[in-house]
Amino acid sequence: MDTVHAAQQLEQIAQDMDTIARFVGAQDIEELTAAASERVFGIPQVDVLVLFGGVILAGADQFAQAMRNGIATTYVIDGGVGHATLAFRQSVRNLCVAVEFSDSASEAEIFEAYLEYICGLHADLLETKSTNCGNNITSLRDLLAAYKVSCQSMILMGDETMQQRITAVAAKEMPDIRTLSFASYQAKVVVDAEGASPAWAFKNEPRGTWCRDHYLELLMGEAPRLTDTADGYGPKGKNFIVPVGGVPAEVTRAWNT
């Protein structure tokens, strides 16, 4: 295949990846500020802002900025130990050598250590027992109830590749709370034509981002989960989430391509 043709194919792949990413990485509020909250919720502060484990380190930076902006009354970090925790611990140690945490630390505890050292900030509550997306939400629900946190409005911050699913689980498990999505980063994929052969790469790569192959794997695995079919996570399938209104045709086309 000649270089020009290869670059054209990669350009299509990059566009398709972004199409999937914008769907799974929903952002219902354009920024985490009082002004944006006022426009969307009608109030300058939401009751609770939650940062979920399973997100890259860029999520903690967004969470810290939201705390500085005073977007919420209560700040929660939600994340125990799951399949990606070991890699996450190593990533944080590689990026922030001075941040101290134990070899058994949960993702919430790692984020808290990072916030304290880098930003001088602390979350109000940590949820450290959950192991996956589903019990991230049920454990959050139980934590808020245990601490008697009044919550009618909430913003959920997760990894771009899981954001739509996190919000759909929350809608099922906490239907009385008004929740909004804010994917903690939105990666942009471009074609890098430098070097011997073209390849796709991240534009303005988010801090601590996934390696390229894993990011693609996460995107490709997520879209089918959001379908309300026998194989999906909706009521007609595993019944983990509320229906998300259908996977748009352009997302299905991009996934198939």
Protein backbone atom coordinates (compact mmCIF):
# COMPACT_ATOMS: atom_id res chain seq x y z
CA MET A 1 0.00 0.00 0.00
CA ASP A 2 1.43 3.40 -0.92
CA THR A 3 1.97 6.03 1.74
CA VAL A 4 -0.77 8.35 0.43
CA HIS A 5 -3.38 5.59 0.47
CA ALA A 6 -2.29 4.49 3.95
CA ALA A 7 -2.60 8.05 5.23
CA GLN A 8 -6.10 8.34 3.76
CA GLN A 9 -7.18 5.14 5.47
CA LEU A 10 -5.74 6.34 8.76
CA GLU A 11 -7.54 9.64 8.41
CA GLN A 12 -10.83 7.75 8.15
CA ILE A 13 -9.91 5.62 11.17
CA ALA A 14 -9.09 8.77 13.16
CA GLN A 15 -12.43 10.33 12.27
CA ASP A 16 -14.29 7.14 13.17
CA MET A 17 -12.53 6.89 16.52
CA ASP A 18 -13.51 10.46 17.34
CA THR A 19 -17.12 9.72 16.36
CA ILE A 20 -17.26 6.83 18.81
CA ALA A 21 -15.39 8.79 21.48
CA ARG A 22 -17.77 11.75 21.39
CA PHE A 23 -20.68 9.34 21.93
CA VAL A 24 -19.25 7.24 24.76
CA GLY A 25 -17.53 10.29 26.31
CA ALA A 26 -20.61 12.42 26.87
CA GLN A 27 -20.33 15.95 28.23
CA ASP A 28 -23.69 17.44 29.22
CA ILE A 29 -22.13 20.61 30.61
CA GLU A 30 -19.51 22.52 28.65
CA GLU A 31 -17.29 23.36 31.63
CA LEU A 32 -17.24 22.86 35.39
CA THR A 33 -17.98 26.41 36.48
CA ALA A 34 -20.72 28.11 38.45
CA ALA A 35 -21.84 29.94 35.32
CA ALA A 36 -22.21 26.71 33.36
CA SER A 37 -24.06 25.08 36.26
CA GLU A 38 -26.42 28.05 36.38
CA ARG A 39 -27.17 27.67 32.67
CA VAL A 40 -27.73 23.90 32.80
CA PHE A 41 -29.10 23.23 36.31
CA GLY A 42 -30.43 26.68 37.16
CA ILE A 43 -28.19 26.72 40.27
CA PRO A 44 -24.58 27.92 40.68
CA GLN A 45 -23.57 24.87 42.74
CA VAL A 46 -24.60 21.24 42.34
CA ASP A 47 -24.90 19.10 45.44
CA VAL A 48 -22.22 16.54 44.55
CA LEU A 49 -19.33 16.23 42.09
CA VAL A 50 -17.88 12.72 41.72
CA LEU A 51 -14.57 11.65 40.15
CA PHE A 52 -14.51 7.95 39.31
CA GLY A 53 -11.61 5.55 39.31
CA GLY A 54 -10.67 4.04 35.99
CA VAL A 55 -9.89 7.48 34.61
CA ILE A 56 -6.45 8.73 33.58
CA LEU A 57 -4.58 11.31 35.63
CA ALA A 58 -5.93 14.17 33.51
CA GLY A 59 -9.23 13.54 35.32
CA ALA A 60 -7.73 14.58 38.65
CA ASP A 61 -6.54 17.86 37.14
CA GLN A 62 -10.07 18.58 35.88
CA PHE A 63 -11.52 17.64 39.26
CA ALA A 64 -9.10 19.96 41.04
CA GLN A 65 -10.04 22.85 38.77
CA ALA A 66 -13.72 22.17 39.40
CA MET A 67 -13.07 22.29 43.16
CA ARG A 68 -11.30 25.63 42.75
CA ASN A 69 -14.30 26.84 40.74
CA GLY A 70 -16.66 25.89 43.57
CA ILE A 71 -18.91 23.84 41.27
CA ALA A 72 -20.29 21.63 44.08
CA THR A 73 -21.10 21.50 47.78
CA THR A 74 -19.63 18.02 48.29
CA TYR A 75 -16.70 16.41 46.43
CA VAL A 76 -16.36 12.64 46.22
CA ILE A 77 -13.70 10.37 44.70
CA ASP A 78 -15.08 6.93 43.92
CA GLY A 79 -12.76 4.02 43.15
CA GLY A 80 -11.54 0.86 44.82
CA VAL A 81 -9.22 -1.76 43.38
CA GLY A 82 -10.05 -3.23 39.97
CA HIS A 83 -8.41 -4.79 36.95
CA ALA A 84 -6.67 -1.55 35.90
CA THR A 85 -5.49 -0.39 39.34
CA LEU A 86 -2.01 -1.89 39.16
CA ALA A 87 -1.30 -0.13 35.86
CA PHE A 88 -2.78 3.10 37.25
CA ARG A 89 -0.51 3.01 40.32
CA GLN A 90 2.51 2.59 38.06
CA SER A 91 1.37 5.39 35.73
CA VAL A 92 1.02 7.85 38.62
CA ARG A 93 4.41 6.86 40.01
CA ASN A 94 6.00 7.38 36.60
CA LEU A 95 4.39 10.80 36.15
CA CYS A 96 4.58 12.05 39.76
CA VAL A 97 7.46 10.42 41.59
CA ALA A 98 6.95 12.51 44.74
CA VAL A 99 3.31 11.51 45.28
CA GLU A 100 3.27 8.89 48.04
CA PHE A 101 0.80 6.05 48.43
CA SER A 102 0.98 2.40 49.42
CA ASP A 103 1.24 -0.59 47.10
CA SER A 104 -2.30 -1.55 48.12
CA ALA A 105 -3.85 1.91 47.69
CA SER A 106 -7.24 2.16 46.02
CA GLU A 107 -7.71 4.44 43.04
CA ALA A 108 -9.61 6.93 45.21
CA GLU A 109 -6.71 7.03 47.68
CA ILE A 110 -4.20 7.54 44.87
CA PHE A 111 -6.20 10.42 43.43
CA GLU A 112 -6.51 11.93 46.92
CA ALA A 113 -2.74 11.70 47.44
CA TYR A 114 -2.19 13.37 44.07
CA LEU A 115 -4.67 16.16 44.84
CA GLU A 116 -3.06 16.82 48.20
CA TYR A 117 0.51 16.91 46.91
CA ILE A 118 0.01 18.69 43.59
CA CYS A 119 -2.96 20.92 44.35
CA GLY A 120 -3.25 21.17 48.15
CA LEU A 121 -6.84 19.93 47.95
CA HIS A 122 -8.89 17.19 49.62
CA ALA A 123 -12.11 15.48 48.62
CA ASP A 124 -14.87 15.38 51.22
CA LEU A 125 -15.51 11.64 50.85
CA LEU A 126 -13.62 8.66 49.41
CA GLU A 127 -15.29 5.46 48.24
CA THR A 128 -12.63 2.72 48.23
CA LYS A 129 -14.48 -0.62 48.08
CA SER A 130 -15.86 -0.75 44.54
CA THR A 131 -14.27 -2.92 41.86
CA ASN A 132 -16.16 -2.09 38.65
CA CYS A 133 -18.42 0.45 36.97
CA GLY A 134 -21.62 -1.02 38.39
CA ASN A 135 -20.64 -1.06 42.02
CA ASN A 136 -18.89 2.30 41.64
CA ILE A 137 -22.43 3.64 41.45
CA THR A 138 -24.12 1.46 44.06
CA SER A 139 -21.25 2.07 46.49
CA LEU A 140 -21.53 5.81 45.82
CA ARG A 141 -25.26 5.67 46.53
CA ASP A 142 -24.65 3.85 49.81
CA LEU A 143 -21.83 6.22 50.80
CA LEU A 144 -23.99 9.31 50.31
CA ALA A 145 -26.77 7.69 52.34
CA ALA A 146 -24.37 6.67 55.12
CA TYR A 147 -23.07 10.23 55.47
CA LYS A 148 -26.56 11.71 55.01
CA VAL A 149 -25.43 13.86 52.08
CA SER A 150 -28.38 15.73 50.62
CA CYS A 151 -28.23 15.17 46.89
CA GLN A 152 -30.71 16.27 44.27
CA SER A 153 -28.13 17.25 41.64
CA MET A 154 -24.87 15.59 40.73
CA ILE A 155 -22.14 15.74 38.07
CA LEU A 156 -20.34 12.50 37.28
CA MET A 157 -16.76 12.63 36.00
CA GLY A 158 -15.42 9.44 34.47
CA ASP A 159 -13.03 8.26 31.83
CA GLU A 160 -14.04 9.36 28.34
CA THR A 161 -14.34 5.74 27.24
CA MET A 162 -16.82 4.91 30.05
CA GLN A 163 -18.67 8.15 30.70
CA GLN A 164 -21.95 7.36 28.92
CA ARG A 165 -22.17 4.01 30.73
CA ILE A 166 -21.42 5.51 34.15
CA THR A 167 -24.30 7.95 33.76
CA ALA A 168 -26.65 5.24 32.48
CA VAL A 169 -25.88 3.06 35.52
CA ALA A 170 -26.50 6.06 37.80
CA ALA A 171 -29.85 6.72 36.13
CA LYS A 172 -30.86 3.14 36.91
CA GLU A 173 -29.58 3.00 40.48
CA MET A 174 -30.30 6.61 41.57
CA PRO A 175 -33.29 7.65 39.44
CA ASP A 176 -34.39 10.43 41.79
CA ILE A 177 -31.13 12.38 41.43
CA ARG A 178 -30.60 14.68 38.47
CA THR A 179 -27.26 13.70 37.03
CA LEU A 180 -25.09 15.15 34.29
CA SER A 181 -22.11 13.67 32.48
CA PHE A 182 -18.74 15.31 32.21
CA ALA A 183 -16.12 13.11 30.57
CA SER A 184 -12.95 14.14 32.36
CA TYR A 185 -11.06 14.49 29.09
CA GLN A 186 -11.89 14.35 25.38
CA ALA A 187 -9.03 12.94 23.36
CA LYS A 188 -8.61 14.04 19.76
CA VAL A 189 -7.11 11.57 17.29
CA VAL A 190 -5.08 12.81 14.33
CA VAL A 191 -2.83 11.29 11.69
CA ASP A 192 0.89 11.70 12.22
CA ALA A 193 2.48 11.58 8.77
CA GLU A 194 6.02 12.10 10.03
CA GLY A 195 8.53 9.27 9.90
CA ALA A 196 8.76 6.21 7.71
CA SER A 197 5.03 5.45 7.73
CA PRO A 198 1.91 7.35 8.84
CA ALA A 199 0.24 6.44 12.15
CA TRP A 200 -2.56 7.81 14.26
CA ALA A 201 -1.72 9.74 17.40
CA PHE A 202 -3.31 11.92 20.08
CA LYS A 203 -3.48 15.65 19.52
CA ASN A 204 -2.61 17.50 22.76
CA GLU A 205 -2.27 14.15 24.52
CA PRO A 206 -4.11 14.11 27.88
CA ARG A 207 -1.93 13.63 30.97
CA GLY A 208 -1.41 9.95 31.73
CA THR A 209 -3.41 8.83 28.70
CA TRP A 210 -3.83 5.21 27.70
CA CYS A 211 -1.44 3.71 25.21
CA ARG A 212 -2.89 3.95 21.71
CA ASP A 213 -3.81 0.28 21.31
CA HIS A 214 -5.55 0.16 24.69
CA TYR A 215 -7.50 3.36 23.96
CA LEU A 216 -8.74 1.84 20.69
CA GLU A 217 -9.62 -1.39 22.52
CA LEU A 218 -11.63 0.56 25.12
CA LEU A 219 -13.56 2.46 22.46
CA MET A 220 -14.35 -0.66 20.45
CA GLY A 221 -15.50 -2.54 23.53
CA GLU A 222 -17.73 0.22 24.85
CA ALA A 223 -20.12 1.02 22.01
CA PRO A 224 -21.74 -2.48 21.93
CA ARG A 225 -22.31 -2.34 25.69
CA LEU A 226 -24.53 0.70 25.27
CA THR A 227 -26.99 -1.06 22.98
CA ASP A 228 -30.34 -2.28 24.27
CA THR A 229 -30.03 -5.71 22.68
CA ALA A 230 -29.57 -9.23 23.99
CA ASP A 231 -25.80 -8.68 23.94
CA GLY A 232 -25.82 -5.16 25.37
CA TYR A 233 -26.06 -3.73 28.87
CA GLY A 234 -29.59 -2.32 28.50
CA PRO A 235 -32.86 -3.84 29.83
CA LYS A 236 -33.09 -6.30 26.92
CA GLY A 237 -29.61 -7.62 27.72
CA LYS A 238 -27.68 -7.65 30.99
CA ASN A 239 -29.90 -4.91 32.48
CA PHE A 240 -27.03 -2.95 34.00
CA ILE A 241 -28.07 0.42 32.55
CA VAL A 242 -31.09 2.40 31.44
CA PRO A 243 -31.45 2.69 27.65
CA VAL A 244 -29.28 5.51 26.31
CA GLY A 245 -31.66 6.38 23.49
CA GLY A 246 -30.05 4.11 20.93
CA VAL A 247 -26.58 4.10 19.48
CA PRO A 248 -26.62 6.71 16.67
CA ALA A 249 -26.27 5.40 13.13
CA GLU A 250 -23.02 7.28 12.57
CA VAL A 251 -21.51 5.61 15.66
CA THR A 252 -22.55 2.15 14.43
CA ARG A 253 -21.07 2.92 11.01
CA ALA A 254 -17.83 4.13 12.56
CA TRP A 255 -17.61 1.03 14.76
CA ASN A 256 -18.22 -1.28 11.79
CA THR A 257 -15.62 0.52 9.71
